[in-house]
Amino acid sequence: MIALLQRVSEARVVIAGETVGQIGAGLLVLVCAEQDDTEAVGQKLLAKILKLRIFSDEAGKMNRSVQDVGGGLLIVSQFTLAADTKSGNRPGFSAAAPPGLGEALYDRFVEAARAQHPVVQTGRFGADMQVHLVNDGPVTIPLKLN
């Protein structure tokens, strides 16, 4: 699985003019399942996200996790993270999981996040979404586990 984390002071997902997910300070997590991913890979990725120390402590050093600071998670599916841009000018997405598997892995990832973290909001798998965010820092971290 691939994730792109953005430390935010606020973020929201809008679909057809309606806000479907919104958080204050925390992490916007863009996530993509790939062809060979399993639920176990998603669990490992989630564990890393929840413990990753990318929030500032009292000394201003990135030494706290989203759990330490009580921040929210806004989890948004984004298959384009699997883009292959090695040749030509049009990205290929063959590394992304097929929609059925991608949705199942995304749903399991969200369920696990909700079981382990108190503030979890989401977008909607496969929807045309507008993601609004204020990146804090800016801090943007790519993660890939498989």
C-alpha atoms as a PDB file:
ATOM      1  CA  MET A   1       0.000   0.000   0.000  1.00  0.00           C
ATOM      2  CA  ILE A   2       1.016   3.548  -0.614  1.00  0.00           C
ATOM      3  CA  ALA A   3       0.084   6.485   1.589  1.00  0.00           C
ATOM      4  CA  LEU A   4       0.806  10.163   1.344  1.00  0.00           C
ATOM      5  CA  LEU A   5       0.523  11.905   4.710  1.00  0.00           C
ATOM      6  CA  GLN A   6      -0.011  15.605   5.053  1.00  0.00           C
ATOM      7  CA  ARG A   7       0.125  17.193   8.485  1.00  0.00           C
ATOM      8  CA  VAL A   8      -2.780  19.628   8.471  1.00  0.00           C
ATOM      9  CA  SER A   9      -4.280  22.309  10.665  1.00  0.00           C
ATOM     10  CA  GLU A  10      -7.598  21.450   8.986  1.00  0.00           C
ATOM     11  CA  ALA A  11      -8.886  19.367   6.078  1.00  0.00           C
ATOM     12  CA  ARG A  12     -12.194  18.356   4.515  1.00  0.00           C
ATOM     13  CA  VAL A  13     -13.586  16.326   1.640  1.00  0.00           C
ATOM     14  CA  VAL A  14     -16.445  17.665  -0.447  1.00  0.00           C
ATOM     15  CA  ILE A  15     -18.549  15.568  -2.843  1.00  0.00           C
ATOM     16  CA  ALA A  16     -21.169  17.299  -5.037  1.00  0.00           C
ATOM     17  CA  GLY A  17     -21.125  20.351  -2.769  1.00  0.00           C
ATOM     18  CA  GLU A  18     -21.546  18.345   0.459  1.00  0.00           C
ATOM     19  CA  THR A  19     -18.806  18.018   3.090  1.00  0.00           C
ATOM     20  CA  VAL A  20     -18.562  14.276   3.816  1.00  0.00           C
ATOM     21  CA  GLY A  21     -15.488  14.269   6.066  1.00  0.00           C
ATOM     22  CA  GLN A  22     -13.729  16.968   8.041  1.00  0.00           C
ATOM     23  CA  ILE A  23     -11.006  17.256  10.697  1.00  0.00           C
ATOM     24  CA  GLY A  24      -9.140  19.971  12.529  1.00  0.00           C
ATOM     25  CA  ALA A  25      -5.451  19.448  13.277  1.00  0.00           C
ATOM     26  CA  GLY A  26      -4.164  16.001  12.330  1.00  0.00           C
ATOM     27  CA  LEU A  27      -3.282  13.997   9.240  1.00  0.00           C
ATOM     28  CA  LEU A  28      -4.783  13.878   5.792  1.00  0.00           C
ATOM     29  CA  VAL A  29      -4.009  10.320   4.665  1.00  0.00           C
ATOM     30  CA  LEU A  30      -4.246   9.668   0.928  1.00  0.00           C
ATOM     31  CA  VAL A  31      -4.113   5.896   0.498  1.00  0.00           C
ATOM     32  CA  CYS A  32      -3.792   3.514  -2.454  1.00  0.00           C
ATOM     33  CA  ALA A  33      -3.925  -0.276  -2.527  1.00  0.00           C
ATOM     34  CA  GLU A  34      -1.695  -2.008  -5.049  1.00  0.00           C
ATOM     35  CA  GLN A  35      -2.124  -5.317  -6.913  1.00  0.00           C
ATOM     36  CA  ASP A  36      -0.406  -7.596  -4.379  1.00  0.00           C
ATOM     37  CA  ASP A  37      -1.520  -5.861  -1.183  1.00  0.00           C
ATOM     38  CA  THR A  38      -3.276  -7.653   1.642  1.00  0.00           C
ATOM     39  CA  GLU A  39      -5.139  -6.621   4.765  1.00  0.00           C
ATOM     40  CA  ALA A  40      -1.943  -7.343   6.739  1.00  0.00           C
ATOM     41  CA  VAL A  41      -0.064  -4.748   4.674  1.00  0.00           C
ATOM     42  CA  GLY A  42      -2.800  -2.225   5.490  1.00  0.00           C
ATOM     43  CA  GLN A  43      -2.522  -3.031   9.204  1.00  0.00           C
ATOM     44  CA  LYS A  44       1.239  -2.498   9.100  1.00  0.00           C
ATOM     45  CA  LEU A  45       0.805   0.800   7.251  1.00  0.00           C
ATOM     46  CA  LEU A  46      -1.792   2.009   9.750  1.00  0.00           C
ATOM     47  CA  ALA A  47       0.459   1.132  12.691  1.00  0.00           C
ATOM     48  CA  LYS A  48       3.262   3.170  11.118  1.00  0.00           C
ATOM     49  CA  ILE A  49       0.952   6.147  10.465  1.00  0.00           C
ATOM     50  CA  LEU A  50      -0.389   6.203  14.023  1.00  0.00           C
ATOM     51  CA  LYS A  51       3.112   6.118  15.572  1.00  0.00           C
ATOM     52  CA  LEU A  52       5.031   8.288  13.082  1.00  0.00           C
ATOM     53  CA  ARG A  53       6.497  11.222  15.008  1.00  0.00           C
ATOM     54  CA  ILE A  54       5.815  14.197  12.749  1.00  0.00           C
ATOM     55  CA  PHE A  55       4.164  16.607  15.176  1.00  0.00           C
ATOM     56  CA  SER A  56       6.139  19.127  17.202  1.00  0.00           C
ATOM     57  CA  ASP A  57       6.914  18.753  20.880  1.00  0.00           C
ATOM     58  CA  GLU A  58       7.365  21.681  23.284  1.00  0.00           C
ATOM     59  CA  ALA A  59      10.875  22.264  21.905  1.00  0.00           C
ATOM     60  CA  GLY A  60       9.578  22.480  18.327  1.00  0.00           C
ATOM     61  CA  LYS A  61      11.087  19.137  17.254  1.00  0.00           C
ATOM     62  CA  MET A  62       9.052  16.573  15.343  1.00  0.00           C
ATOM     63  CA  ASN A  63       8.781  14.142  18.225  1.00  0.00           C
ATOM     64  CA  ARG A  64       5.053  13.410  18.634  1.00  0.00           C
ATOM     65  CA  SER A  65       2.637  11.163  16.777  1.00  0.00           C
ATOM     66  CA  VAL A  66      -0.942  11.890  15.745  1.00  0.00           C
ATOM     67  CA  GLN A  67      -1.980   9.753  18.724  1.00  0.00           C
ATOM     68  CA  ASP A  68       0.233  11.749  21.082  1.00  0.00           C
ATOM     69  CA  VAL A  69      -1.342  15.058  20.032  1.00  0.00           C
ATOM     70  CA  GLY A  70      -4.925  13.741  19.740  1.00  0.00           C
ATOM     71  CA  GLY A  71      -5.156  14.789  16.103  1.00  0.00           C
ATOM     72  CA  GLY A  72      -7.724  13.585  13.614  1.00  0.00           C
ATOM     73  CA  LEU A  73      -7.296  11.337  10.585  1.00  0.00           C
ATOM     74  CA  LEU A  74      -8.985  12.150   7.292  1.00  0.00           C
ATOM     75  CA  ILE A  75      -8.549   9.044   5.120  1.00  0.00           C
ATOM     76  CA  VAL A  76      -9.101   9.446   1.376  1.00  0.00           C
ATOM     77  CA  SER A  77      -8.717   6.751  -1.286  1.00  0.00           C
ATOM     78  CA  GLN A  78      -6.476   7.832  -4.154  1.00  0.00           C
ATOM     79  CA  PHE A  79      -5.516   5.217  -6.743  1.00  0.00           C
ATOM     80  CA  THR A  80      -3.406   7.779  -8.619  1.00  0.00           C
ATOM     81  CA  LEU A  81      -0.652   7.290  -6.019  1.00  0.00           C
ATOM     82  CA  ALA A  82       0.188   4.129  -7.985  1.00  0.00           C
ATOM     83  CA  ALA A  83       0.891   6.152 -11.144  1.00  0.00           C
ATOM     84  CA  ASP A  84       3.683   4.894 -13.381  1.00  0.00           C
ATOM     85  CA  THR A  85       5.258   7.873 -15.148  1.00  0.00           C
ATOM     86  CA  LYS A  86       8.439   6.208 -16.421  1.00  0.00           C
ATOM     87  CA  SER A  87       7.562   6.425 -20.086  1.00  0.00           C
ATOM     88  CA  GLY A  88       5.486   8.808 -22.122  1.00  0.00           C
ATOM     89  CA  ASN A  89       3.387  11.657 -20.841  1.00  0.00           C
ATOM     90  CA  ARG A  90       0.300   9.748 -19.802  1.00  0.00           C
ATOM     91  CA  PRO A  91       0.553   7.932 -16.447  1.00  0.00           C
ATOM     92  CA  GLY A  92      -0.340   4.263 -16.222  1.00  0.00           C
ATOM     93  CA  PHE A  93      -2.186   2.815 -13.250  1.00  0.00           C
ATOM     94  CA  SER A  94      -1.729  -0.928 -13.726  1.00  0.00           C
ATOM     95  CA  ALA A  95       0.040  -1.237 -10.349  1.00  0.00           C
ATOM     96  CA  ALA A  96      -3.120  -0.104  -8.526  1.00  0.00           C
ATOM     97  CA  ALA A  97      -5.370  -2.820  -7.136  1.00  0.00           C
ATOM     98  CA  PRO A  98      -8.503  -3.516  -9.187  1.00  0.00           C
ATOM     99  CA  PRO A  99     -11.496  -1.546  -7.864  1.00  0.00           C
ATOM    100  CA  GLY A 100     -13.079  -4.442  -5.931  1.00  0.00           C
ATOM    101  CA  LEU A 101      -9.869  -5.306  -4.086  1.00  0.00           C
ATOM    102  CA  GLY A 102      -8.937  -1.652  -3.651  1.00  0.00           C
ATOM    103  CA  GLU A 103     -12.282  -0.845  -2.056  1.00  0.00           C
ATOM    104  CA  ALA A 104     -12.171  -3.893   0.232  1.00  0.00           C
ATOM    105  CA  LEU A 105      -8.654  -3.019   1.432  1.00  0.00           C
ATOM    106  CA  TYR A 106      -9.602   0.637   1.879  1.00  0.00           C
ATOM    107  CA  ASP A 107     -12.689  -0.342   3.911  1.00  0.00           C
ATOM    108  CA  ARG A 108     -10.608  -2.654   6.162  1.00  0.00           C
ATOM    109  CA  PHE A 109      -8.017   0.099   6.608  1.00  0.00           C
ATOM    110  CA  VAL A 110     -10.718   2.577   7.678  1.00  0.00           C
ATOM    111  CA  GLU A 111     -12.350   0.029  10.024  1.00  0.00           C
ATOM    112  CA  ALA A 112      -9.006  -0.647  11.697  1.00  0.00           C
ATOM    113  CA  ALA A 113      -8.289   3.088  11.987  1.00  0.00           C
ATOM    114  CA  ARG A 114     -11.651   3.658  13.665  1.00  0.00           C
ATOM    115  CA  ALA A 115     -10.959   0.822  16.094  1.00  0.00           C
ATOM    116  CA  GLN A 116      -7.557   2.264  17.030  1.00  0.00           C
ATOM    117  CA  HIS A 117      -8.022   6.035  16.866  1.00  0.00           C
ATOM    118  CA  PRO A 118     -10.803   8.249  18.228  1.00  0.00           C
ATOM    119  CA  VAL A 119     -11.175  10.766  15.368  1.00  0.00           C
ATOM    120  CA  VAL A 120     -11.425   9.247  11.892  1.00  0.00           C
ATOM    121  CA  GLN A 121     -13.223  10.806   8.944  1.00  0.00           C
ATOM    122  CA  THR A 122     -13.186   9.667   5.321  1.00  0.00           C
ATOM    123  CA  GLY A 123     -13.888  10.514   1.749  1.00  0.00           C
ATOM    124  CA  ARG A 124     -15.865   8.063  -0.403  1.00  0.00           C
ATOM    125  CA  PHE A 125     -14.132   5.342  -2.411  1.00  0.00           C
ATOM    126  CA  GLY A 126     -14.331   5.952  -6.162  1.00  0.00           C
ATOM    127  CA  ALA A 127     -16.111   9.303  -5.850  1.00  0.00           C
ATOM    128  CA  ASP A 128     -15.103  12.545  -7.538  1.00  0.00           C
ATOM    129  CA  MET A 129     -13.870  14.411  -4.451  1.00  0.00           C
ATOM    130  CA  GLN A 130     -12.571  17.876  -3.770  1.00  0.00           C
ATOM    131  CA  VAL A 131     -10.045  17.771  -0.935  1.00  0.00           C
ATOM    132  CA  HIS A 132      -9.446  21.021   0.902  1.00  0.00           C
ATOM    133  CA  LEU A 133      -6.528  21.278   3.301  1.00  0.00           C
ATOM    134  CA  VAL A 134      -4.227  23.621   5.102  1.00  0.00           C
ATOM    135  CA  ASN A 135      -0.866  21.849   5.184  1.00  0.00           C
ATOM    136  CA  ASP A 136       0.865  22.557   8.500  1.00  0.00           C
ATOM    137  CA  GLY A 137       4.588  23.095   8.109  1.00  0.00           C
ATOM    138  CA  PRO A 138       4.342  22.140   5.306  1.00  0.00           C
ATOM    139  CA  VAL A 139       4.885  18.512   6.223  1.00  0.00           C
ATOM    140  CA  THR A 140       4.198  15.893   3.543  1.00  0.00           C
ATOM    141  CA  ILE A 141       5.490  12.334   3.973  1.00  0.00           C
ATOM    142  CA  PRO A 142       5.220   9.483   1.425  1.00  0.00           C
ATOM    143  CA  LEU A 143       4.946   5.930   2.833  1.00  0.00           C
ATOM    144  CA  LYS A 144       5.051   2.676   0.899  1.00  0.00           C
ATOM    145  CA  LEU A 145       4.774  -0.717   2.576  1.00  0.00           C
ATOM    146  CA  ASN A 146       4.439  -4.039   0.749  1.00  0.00           C
END
